[in-house]
Amino acid sequence: MRVQSWVDRLQTKIDRALAMLEAAPPAWGAHPDYGHLTLAVALGYLDFRHAGRWRTVNPRMVDWLARFADAVPAYAASAPPPA
């Protein structure tokens, strides 16, 4: 069963989290850590399941994810194939 009010509530939470990250993207020292990996995977999931809609309003996080992918080549290598 899909309850649209529940889906909307969860989307609001995702949007608020992205807005906070957009305001201050996480930095890393010499190498990203597990927290950065977790965030990159979450953003990849939003690309995969939600057609990357988050990208249009979060340009700093788009840049952050590109820098992460450059720093961790296995990230792009393990991405699912485009739909």
PDB file of N, CA and C in Angstrom:
ATOM      1  N   MET A   1       0.846  -1.160   0.000  1.00  0.00           N
ATOM      2  CA  MET A   1       0.000   0.000   0.000  1.00  0.00           C
ATOM      3  C   MET A   1       0.901   1.235   0.000  1.00  0.00           C
ATOM      4  N   ARG A   2       0.510   2.237  -0.765  1.00  0.00           N
ATOM      5  CA  ARG A   2       1.252   3.498  -0.825  1.00  0.00           C
ATOM      6  C   ARG A   2       0.345   4.610  -0.321  1.00  0.00           C
ATOM      7  N   VAL A   3       0.790   5.282   0.707  1.00  0.00           N
ATOM      8  CA  VAL A   3       0.019   6.383   1.293  1.00  0.00           C
ATOM      9  C   VAL A   3       0.751   7.677   0.939  1.00  0.00           C
ATOM     10  N   GLN A   4       0.152   8.484   0.080  1.00  0.00           N
ATOM     11  CA  GLN A   4       0.829   9.668  -0.429  1.00  0.00           C
ATOM     12  C   GLN A   4       1.227  10.636   0.678  1.00  0.00           C
ATOM     13  N   SER A   5       0.405  10.766   1.707  1.00  0.00           N
ATOM     14  CA  SER A   5       0.770  11.685   2.791  1.00  0.00           C
ATOM     15  C   SER A   5       2.056  11.225   3.482  1.00  0.00           C
ATOM     16  N   TRP A   6       2.259   9.924   3.594  1.00  0.00           N
ATOM     17  CA  TRP A   6       3.476   9.389   4.193  1.00  0.00           C
ATOM     18  C   TRP A   6       4.676   9.639   3.267  1.00  0.00           C
ATOM     19  N   VAL A   7       4.501   9.407   1.985  1.00  0.00           N
ATOM     20  CA  VAL A   7       5.562   9.659   1.007  1.00  0.00           C
ATOM     21  C   VAL A   7       5.951  11.137   1.042  1.00  0.00           C
ATOM     22  N   ASP A   8       4.973  12.023   1.092  1.00  0.00           N
ATOM     23  CA  ASP A   8       5.241  13.469   1.149  1.00  0.00           C
ATOM     24  C   ASP A   8       6.002  13.845   2.413  1.00  0.00           C
ATOM     25  N   ARG A   9       5.626  13.227   3.527  1.00  0.00           N
ATOM     26  CA  ARG A   9       6.310  13.500   4.791  1.00  0.00           C
ATOM     27  C   ARG A   9       7.776  13.102   4.729  1.00  0.00           C
ATOM     28  N   LEU A  10       8.039  11.920   4.171  1.00  0.00           N
ATOM     29  CA  LEU A  10       9.426  11.466   4.048  1.00  0.00           C
ATOM     30  C   LEU A  10      10.208  12.335   3.072  1.00  0.00           C
ATOM     31  N   GLN A  11       9.572  12.772   1.984  1.00  0.00           N
ATOM     32  CA  GLN A  11      10.258  13.644   1.030  1.00  0.00           C
ATOM     33  C   GLN A  11      10.629  14.969   1.681  1.00  0.00           C
ATOM     34  N   THR A  12       9.769  15.475   2.545  1.00  0.00           N
ATOM     35  CA  THR A  12      10.068  16.710   3.269  1.00  0.00           C
ATOM     36  C   THR A  12      11.309  16.528   4.139  1.00  0.00           C
ATOM     37  N   LYS A  13      11.435  15.382   4.774  1.00  0.00           N
ATOM     38  CA  LYS A  13      12.610  15.105   5.599  1.00  0.00           C
ATOM     39  C   LYS A  13      13.873  15.031   4.749  1.00  0.00           C
ATOM     40  N   ILE A  14      13.775  14.399   3.597  1.00  0.00           N
ATOM     41  CA  ILE A  14      14.925  14.324   2.692  1.00  0.00           C
ATOM     42  C   ILE A  14      15.322  15.725   2.245  1.00  0.00           C
ATOM     43  N   ASP A  15      14.332  16.524   1.855  1.00  0.00           N
ATOM     44  CA  ASP A  15      14.606  17.885   1.383  1.00  0.00           C
ATOM     45  C   ASP A  15      15.255  18.740   2.464  1.00  0.00           C
ATOM     46  N   ARG A  16      14.795  18.606   3.703  1.00  0.00           N
ATOM     47  CA  ARG A  16      15.391  19.380   4.800  1.00  0.00           C
ATOM     48  C   ARG A  16      16.832  18.958   5.060  1.00  0.00           C
ATOM     49  N   ALA A  17      17.086  17.661   5.022  1.00  0.00           N
ATOM     50  CA  ALA A  17      18.455  17.171   5.222  1.00  0.00           C
ATOM     51  C   ALA A  17      19.374  17.673   4.116  1.00  0.00           C
ATOM     52  N   LEU A  18      18.904  17.624   2.876  1.00  0.00           N
ATOM     53  CA  LEU A  18      19.712  18.120   1.769  1.00  0.00           C
ATOM     54  C   LEU A  18      19.966  19.616   1.890  1.00  0.00           C
ATOM     55  N   ALA A  19      18.980  20.372   2.352  1.00  0.00           N
ATOM     56  CA  ALA A  19      19.160  21.822   2.526  1.00  0.00           C
ATOM     57  C   ALA A  19      20.242  22.101   3.573  1.00  0.00           C
ATOM     58  N   MET A  20      20.261  21.326   4.649  1.00  0.00           N
ATOM     59  CA  MET A  20      21.298  21.502   5.668  1.00  0.00           C
ATOM     60  C   MET A  20      22.678  21.162   5.108  1.00  0.00           C
ATOM     61  N   LEU A  21      22.761  20.085   4.354  1.00  0.00           N
ATOM     62  CA  LEU A  21      24.035  19.702   3.755  1.00  0.00           C
ATOM     63  C   LEU A  21      24.471  20.716   2.703  1.00  0.00           C
ATOM     64  N   GLU A  22      23.536  21.237   1.946  1.00  0.00           N
ATOM     65  CA  GLU A  22      23.846  22.242   0.927  1.00  0.00           C
ATOM     66  C   GLU A  22      24.435  23.492   1.568  1.00  0.00           C
ATOM     67  N   ALA A  23      23.935  23.854   2.727  1.00  0.00           N
ATOM     68  CA  ALA A  23      24.429  25.049   3.422  1.00  0.00           C
ATOM     69  C   ALA A  23      25.868  24.867   3.899  1.00  0.00           C
ATOM     70  N   ALA A  24      26.234  23.646   4.233  1.00  0.00           N
ATOM     71  CA  ALA A  24      27.592  23.372   4.729  1.00  0.00           C
ATOM     72  C   ALA A  24      28.001  21.961   4.335  1.00  0.00           C
ATOM     73  N   PRO A  25      28.432  21.766   3.091  1.00  0.00           N
ATOM     74  CA  PRO A  25      28.841  20.419   2.663  1.00  0.00           C
ATOM     75  C   PRO A  25      29.971  19.879   3.542  1.00  0.00           C
ATOM     76  N   PRO A  26      29.930  18.603   3.867  1.00  0.00           N
ATOM     77  CA  PRO A  26      30.956  18.020   4.730  1.00  0.00           C
ATOM     78  C   PRO A  26      32.346  18.072   4.088  1.00  0.00           C
ATOM     79  N   ALA A  27      33.315  18.438   4.873  1.00  0.00           N
ATOM     80  CA  ALA A  27      34.705  18.474   4.411  1.00  0.00           C
ATOM     81  C   ALA A  27      35.409  17.210   4.899  1.00  0.00           C
ATOM     82  N   TRP A  28      36.508  16.879   4.261  1.00  0.00           N
ATOM     83  CA  TRP A  28      37.334  15.787   4.759  1.00  0.00           C
ATOM     84  C   TRP A  28      38.793  16.183   4.660  1.00  0.00           C
ATOM     85  N   GLY A  29      39.604  15.479   5.432  1.00  0.00           N
ATOM     86  CA  GLY A  29      41.039  15.752   5.445  1.00  0.00           C
ATOM     87  C   GLY A  29      41.710  15.073   4.262  1.00  0.00           C
ATOM     88  N   ALA A  30      42.646  14.195   4.549  1.00  0.00           N
ATOM     89  CA  ALA A  30      43.393  13.516   3.496  1.00  0.00           C
ATOM     90  C   ALA A  30      42.505  12.557   2.695  1.00  0.00           C
ATOM     91  N   HIS A  31      41.560  11.940   3.378  1.00  0.00           N
ATOM     92  CA  HIS A  31      40.697  10.953   2.725  1.00  0.00           C
ATOM     93  C   HIS A  31      39.288  11.041   3.306  1.00  0.00           C
ATOM     94  N   PRO A  32      38.275  10.748   2.498  1.00  0.00           N
ATOM     95  CA  PRO A  32      36.920  10.658   3.044  1.00  0.00           C
ATOM     96  C   PRO A  32      36.834   9.491   4.038  1.00  0.00           C
ATOM     97  N   ASP A  33      35.874   9.580   4.962  1.00  0.00           N
ATOM     98  CA  ASP A  33      35.691   8.496   5.924  1.00  0.00           C
ATOM     99  C   ASP A  33      34.347   7.801   5.677  1.00  0.00           C
ATOM    100  N   TYR A  34      33.966   6.922   6.598  1.00  0.00           N
ATOM    101  CA  TYR A  34      32.736   6.155   6.418  1.00  0.00           C
ATOM    102  C   TYR A  34      31.485   7.031   6.397  1.00  0.00           C
ATOM    103  N   GLY A  35      31.500   8.129   7.115  1.00  0.00           N
ATOM    104  CA  GLY A  35      30.371   9.046   7.075  1.00  0.00           C
ATOM    105  C   GLY A  35      30.201   9.663   5.693  1.00  0.00           C
ATOM    106  N   HIS A  36      31.317  10.011   5.063  1.00  0.00           N
ATOM    107  CA  HIS A  36      31.268  10.560   3.713  1.00  0.00           C
ATOM    108  C   HIS A  36      30.777   9.502   2.727  1.00  0.00           C
ATOM    109  N   LEU A  37      31.236   8.272   2.914  1.00  0.00           N
ATOM    110  CA  LEU A  37      30.788   7.177   2.059  1.00  0.00           C
ATOM    111  C   LEU A  37      29.275   6.978   2.190  1.00  0.00           C
ATOM    112  N   THR A  38      28.785   7.035   3.412  1.00  0.00           N
ATOM    113  CA  THR A  38      27.353   6.869   3.648  1.00  0.00           C
ATOM    114  C   THR A  38      26.561   7.950   2.936  1.00  0.00           C
ATOM    115  N   LEU A  39      27.018   9.193   3.016  1.00  0.00           N
ATOM    116  CA  LEU A  39      26.341  10.285   2.335  1.00  0.00           C
ATOM    117  C   LEU A  39      26.383  10.098   0.822  1.00  0.00           C
ATOM    118  N   ALA A  40      27.521   9.717   0.278  1.00  0.00           N
ATOM    119  CA  ALA A  40      27.635   9.501  -1.161  1.00  0.00           C
ATOM    120  C   ALA A  40      26.684   8.408  -1.629  1.00  0.00           C
ATOM    121  N   VAL A  41      26.575   7.338  -0.865  1.00  0.00           N
ATOM    122  CA  VAL A  41      25.665   6.249  -1.215  1.00  0.00           C
ATOM    123  C   VAL A  41      24.210   6.739  -1.166  1.00  0.00           C
ATOM    124  N   ALA A  42      23.883   7.531  -0.165  1.00  0.00           N
ATOM    125  CA  ALA A  42      22.517   8.073  -0.079  1.00  0.00           C
ATOM    126  C   ALA A  42      22.204   8.956  -1.280  1.00  0.00           C
ATOM    127  N   LEU A  43      23.148   9.789  -1.688  1.00  0.00           N
ATOM    128  CA  LEU A  43      22.931  10.637  -2.860  1.00  0.00           C
ATOM    129  C   LEU A  43      22.833   9.792  -4.125  1.00  0.00           C
ATOM    130  N   GLY A  44      23.634   8.755  -4.204  1.00  0.00           N
ATOM    131  CA  GLY A  44      23.536   7.834  -5.338  1.00  0.00           C
ATOM    132  C   GLY A  44      22.188   7.146  -5.384  1.00  0.00           C
ATOM    133  N   TYR A  45      21.658   6.808  -4.228  1.00  0.00           N
ATOM    134  CA  TYR A  45      20.328   6.194  -4.169  1.00  0.00           C
ATOM    135  C   TYR A  45      19.269   7.174  -4.676  1.00  0.00           C
ATOM    136  N   LEU A  46      19.397   8.442  -4.289  1.00  0.00           N
ATOM    137  CA  LEU A  46      18.449   9.440  -4.785  1.00  0.00           C
ATOM    138  C   LEU A  46      18.560   9.595  -6.297  1.00  0.00           C
ATOM    139  N   ASP A  47      19.753   9.477  -6.832  1.00  0.00           N
ATOM    140  CA  ASP A  47      19.906   9.491  -8.288  1.00  0.00           C
ATOM    141  C   ASP A  47      19.203   8.289  -8.911  1.00  0.00           C
ATOM    142  N   PHE A  48      19.420   7.127  -8.328  1.00  0.00           N
ATOM    143  CA  PHE A  48      18.913   5.869  -8.881  1.00  0.00           C
ATOM    144  C   PHE A  48      17.391   5.749  -8.769  1.00  0.00           C
ATOM    145  N   ARG A  49      16.847   6.068  -7.618  1.00  0.00           N
ATOM    146  CA  ARG A  49      15.413   5.860  -7.378  1.00  0.00           C
ATOM    147  C   ARG A  49      14.542   7.083  -7.602  1.00  0.00           C
ATOM    148  N   HIS A  50      15.146   8.267  -7.571  1.00  0.00           N
ATOM    149  CA  HIS A  50      14.360   9.501  -7.675  1.00  0.00           C
ATOM    150  C   HIS A  50      14.826  10.381  -8.825  1.00  0.00           C
ATOM    151  N   ALA A  51      15.446   9.761  -9.812  1.00  0.00           N
ATOM    152  CA  ALA A  51      15.842  10.437 -11.056  1.00  0.00           C
ATOM    153  C   ALA A  51      16.731  11.662 -10.821  1.00  0.00           C
ATOM    154  N   GLY A  52      17.472  11.695  -9.731  1.00  0.00           N
ATOM    155  CA  GLY A  52      18.398  12.792  -9.491  1.00  0.00           C
ATOM    156  C   GLY A  52      17.759  14.158  -9.323  1.00  0.00           C
ATOM    157  N   ARG A  53      16.487  14.202  -8.936  1.00  0.00           N
ATOM    158  CA  ARG A  53      15.800  15.498  -8.779  1.00  0.00           C
ATOM    159  C   ARG A  53      16.466  16.392  -7.746  1.00  0.00           C
ATOM    160  N   TRP A  54      17.169  15.821  -6.806  1.00  0.00           N
ATOM    161  CA  TRP A  54      17.845  16.608  -5.763  1.00  0.00           C
ATOM    162  C   TRP A  54      18.924  17.502  -6.356  1.00  0.00           C
ATOM    163  N   ARG A  55      19.455  17.153  -7.509  1.00  0.00           N
ATOM    164  CA  ARG A  55      20.578  17.873  -8.102  1.00  0.00           C
ATOM    165  C   ARG A  55      20.230  19.301  -8.526  1.00  0.00           C
ATOM    166  N   THR A  56      19.004  19.546  -8.921  1.00  0.00           N
ATOM    167  CA  THR A  56      18.647  20.871  -9.449  1.00  0.00           C
ATOM    168  C   THR A  56      18.686  21.959  -8.387  1.00  0.00           C
ATOM    169  N   VAL A  57      18.468  21.613  -7.145  1.00  0.00           N
ATOM    170  CA  VAL A  57      18.417  22.628  -6.078  1.00  0.00           C
ATOM    171  C   VAL A  57      19.566  22.523  -5.080  1.00  0.00           C
ATOM    172  N   ASN A  58      20.521  21.644  -5.348  1.00  0.00           N
ATOM    173  CA  ASN A  58      21.642  21.437  -4.425  1.00  0.00           C
ATOM    174  C   ASN A  58      22.976  21.406  -5.169  1.00  0.00           C
ATOM    175  N   PRO A  59      23.349  22.494  -5.835  1.00  0.00           N
ATOM    176  CA  PRO A  59      24.569  22.470  -6.644  1.00  0.00           C
ATOM    177  C   PRO A  59      25.848  22.232  -5.840  1.00  0.00           C
ATOM    178  N   ARG A  60      25.889  22.688  -4.609  1.00  0.00           N
ATOM    179  CA  ARG A  60      27.096  22.454  -3.799  1.00  0.00           C
ATOM    180  C   ARG A  60      27.250  20.969  -3.480  1.00  0.00           C
ATOM    181  N   MET A  61      26.137  20.284  -3.263  1.00  0.00           N
ATOM    182  CA  MET A  61      26.205  18.849  -3.003  1.00  0.00           C
ATOM    183  C   MET A  61      26.518  18.075  -4.280  1.00  0.00           C
ATOM    184  N   VAL A  62      26.084  18.568  -5.415  1.00  0.00           N
ATOM    185  CA  VAL A  62      26.467  17.953  -6.693  1.00  0.00           C
ATOM    186  C   VAL A  62      27.986  18.018  -6.837  1.00  0.00           C
ATOM    187  N   ASP A  63      28.561  19.186  -6.557  1.00  0.00           N
ATOM    188  CA  ASP A  63      30.019  19.341  -6.610  1.00  0.00           C
ATOM    189  C   ASP A  63      30.699  18.444  -5.585  1.00  0.00           C
ATOM    190  N   TRP A  64      30.121  18.379  -4.386  1.00  0.00           N
ATOM    191  CA  TRP A  64      30.685  17.536  -3.331  1.00  0.00           C
ATOM    192  C   TRP A  64      30.738  16.083  -3.796  1.00  0.00           C
ATOM    193  N   LEU A  65      29.642  15.604  -4.394  1.00  0.00           N
ATOM    194  CA  LEU A  65      29.597  14.213  -4.838  1.00  0.00           C
ATOM    195  C   LEU A  65      30.601  13.967  -5.960  1.00  0.00           C
ATOM    196  N   ALA A  66      30.786  14.930  -6.839  1.00  0.00           N
ATOM    197  CA  ALA A  66      31.787  14.793  -7.904  1.00  0.00           C
ATOM    198  C   ALA A  66      33.189  14.701  -7.303  1.00  0.00           C
ATOM    199  N   ARG A  67      33.481  15.530  -6.298  1.00  0.00           N
ATOM    200  CA  ARG A  67      34.793  15.462  -5.633  1.00  0.00           C
ATOM    201  C   ARG A  67      34.968  14.120  -4.932  1.00  0.00           C
ATOM    202  N   PHE A  68      33.895  13.632  -4.305  1.00  0.00           N
ATOM    203  CA  PHE A  68      33.959  12.325  -3.648  1.00  0.00           C
ATOM    204  C   PHE A  68      34.259  11.240  -4.674  1.00  0.00           C
ATOM    205  N   ALA A  69      33.568  11.272  -5.798  1.00  0.00           N
ATOM    206  CA  ALA A  69      33.780  10.256  -6.835  1.00  0.00           C
ATOM    207  C   ALA A  69      35.212  10.302  -7.367  1.00  0.00           C
ATOM    208  N   ASP A  70      35.790  11.487  -7.451  1.00  0.00           N
ATOM    209  CA  ASP A  70      37.191  11.604  -7.861  1.00  0.00           C
ATOM    210  C   ASP A  70      38.130  11.019  -6.811  1.00  0.00           C
ATOM    211  N   ALA A  71      37.813  11.237  -5.541  1.00  0.00           N
ATOM    212  CA  ALA A  71      38.662  10.764  -4.450  1.00  0.00           C
ATOM    213  C   ALA A  71      38.531   9.256  -4.213  1.00  0.00           C
ATOM    214  N   VAL A  72      37.358   8.707  -4.578  1.00  0.00           N
ATOM    215  CA  VAL A  72      37.087   7.282  -4.340  1.00  0.00           C
ATOM    216  C   VAL A  72      36.634   6.656  -5.669  1.00  0.00           C
ATOM    217  N   PRO A  73      37.562   6.249  -6.530  1.00  0.00           N
ATOM    218  CA  PRO A  73      37.182   5.719  -7.834  1.00  0.00           C
ATOM    219  C   PRO A  73      36.258   4.514  -7.771  1.00  0.00           C
ATOM    220  N   ALA A  74      36.316   3.732  -6.706  1.00  0.00           N
ATOM    221  CA  ALA A  74      35.445   2.560  -6.584  1.00  0.00           C
ATOM    222  C   ALA A  74      33.977   2.955  -6.489  1.00  0.00           C
ATOM    223  N   TYR A  75      33.706   4.187  -6.065  1.00  0.00           N
ATOM    224  CA  TYR A  75      32.318   4.651  -5.980  1.00  0.00           C
ATOM    225  C   TYR A  75      31.662   4.609  -7.360  1.00  0.00           C
ATOM    226  N   ALA A  76      32.279   5.227  -8.339  1.00  0.00           N
ATOM    227  CA  ALA A  76      31.709   5.238  -9.691  1.00  0.00           C
ATOM    228  C   ALA A  76      31.741   3.838 -10.309  1.00  0.00           C
ATOM    229  N   ALA A  77      32.779   3.078 -10.015  1.00  0.00           N
ATOM    230  CA  ALA A  77      32.897   1.747 -10.577  1.00  0.00           C
ATOM    231  C   ALA A  77      31.808   0.802 -10.079  1.00  0.00           C
ATOM    232  N   SER A  78      31.257   1.081  -8.908  1.00  0.00           N
ATOM    233  CA  SER A  78      30.233   0.190  -8.335  1.00  0.00           C
ATOM    234  C   SER A  78      28.818   0.726  -8.519  1.00  0.00           C
ATOM    235  N   ALA A  79      28.663   1.813  -9.255  1.00  0.00           N
ATOM    236  CA  ALA A  79      27.327   2.395  -9.471  1.00  0.00           C
ATOM    237  C   ALA A  79      26.483   1.468 -10.329  1.00  0.00           C
ATOM    238  N   PRO A  80      25.173   1.439 -10.092  1.00  0.00           N
ATOM    239  CA  PRO A  80      24.311   0.616 -10.933  1.00  0.00           C
ATOM    240  C   PRO A  80      24.276   1.178 -12.358  1.00  0.00           C
ATOM    241  N   PRO A  81      23.982   0.344 -13.322  1.00  0.00           N
ATOM    242  CA  PRO A  81      23.908   0.836 -14.697  1.00  0.00           C
ATOM    243  C   PRO A  81      22.730   1.807 -14.848  1.00  0.00           C
ATOM    244  N   PRO A  82      22.842   2.767 -15.766  1.00  0.00           N
ATOM    245  CA  PRO A  82      21.729   3.697 -15.981  1.00  0.00           C
ATOM    246  C   PRO A  82      20.466   2.950 -16.403  1.00  0.00           C
ATOM    247  N   ALA A  83      19.349   3.459 -15.954  1.00  0.00           N
ATOM    248  CA  ALA A  83      18.072   2.798 -16.273  1.00  0.00           C
ATOM    249  C   ALA A  83      17.665   3.063 -17.701  1.00  0.00           C
TER     250      ALA A  83
END
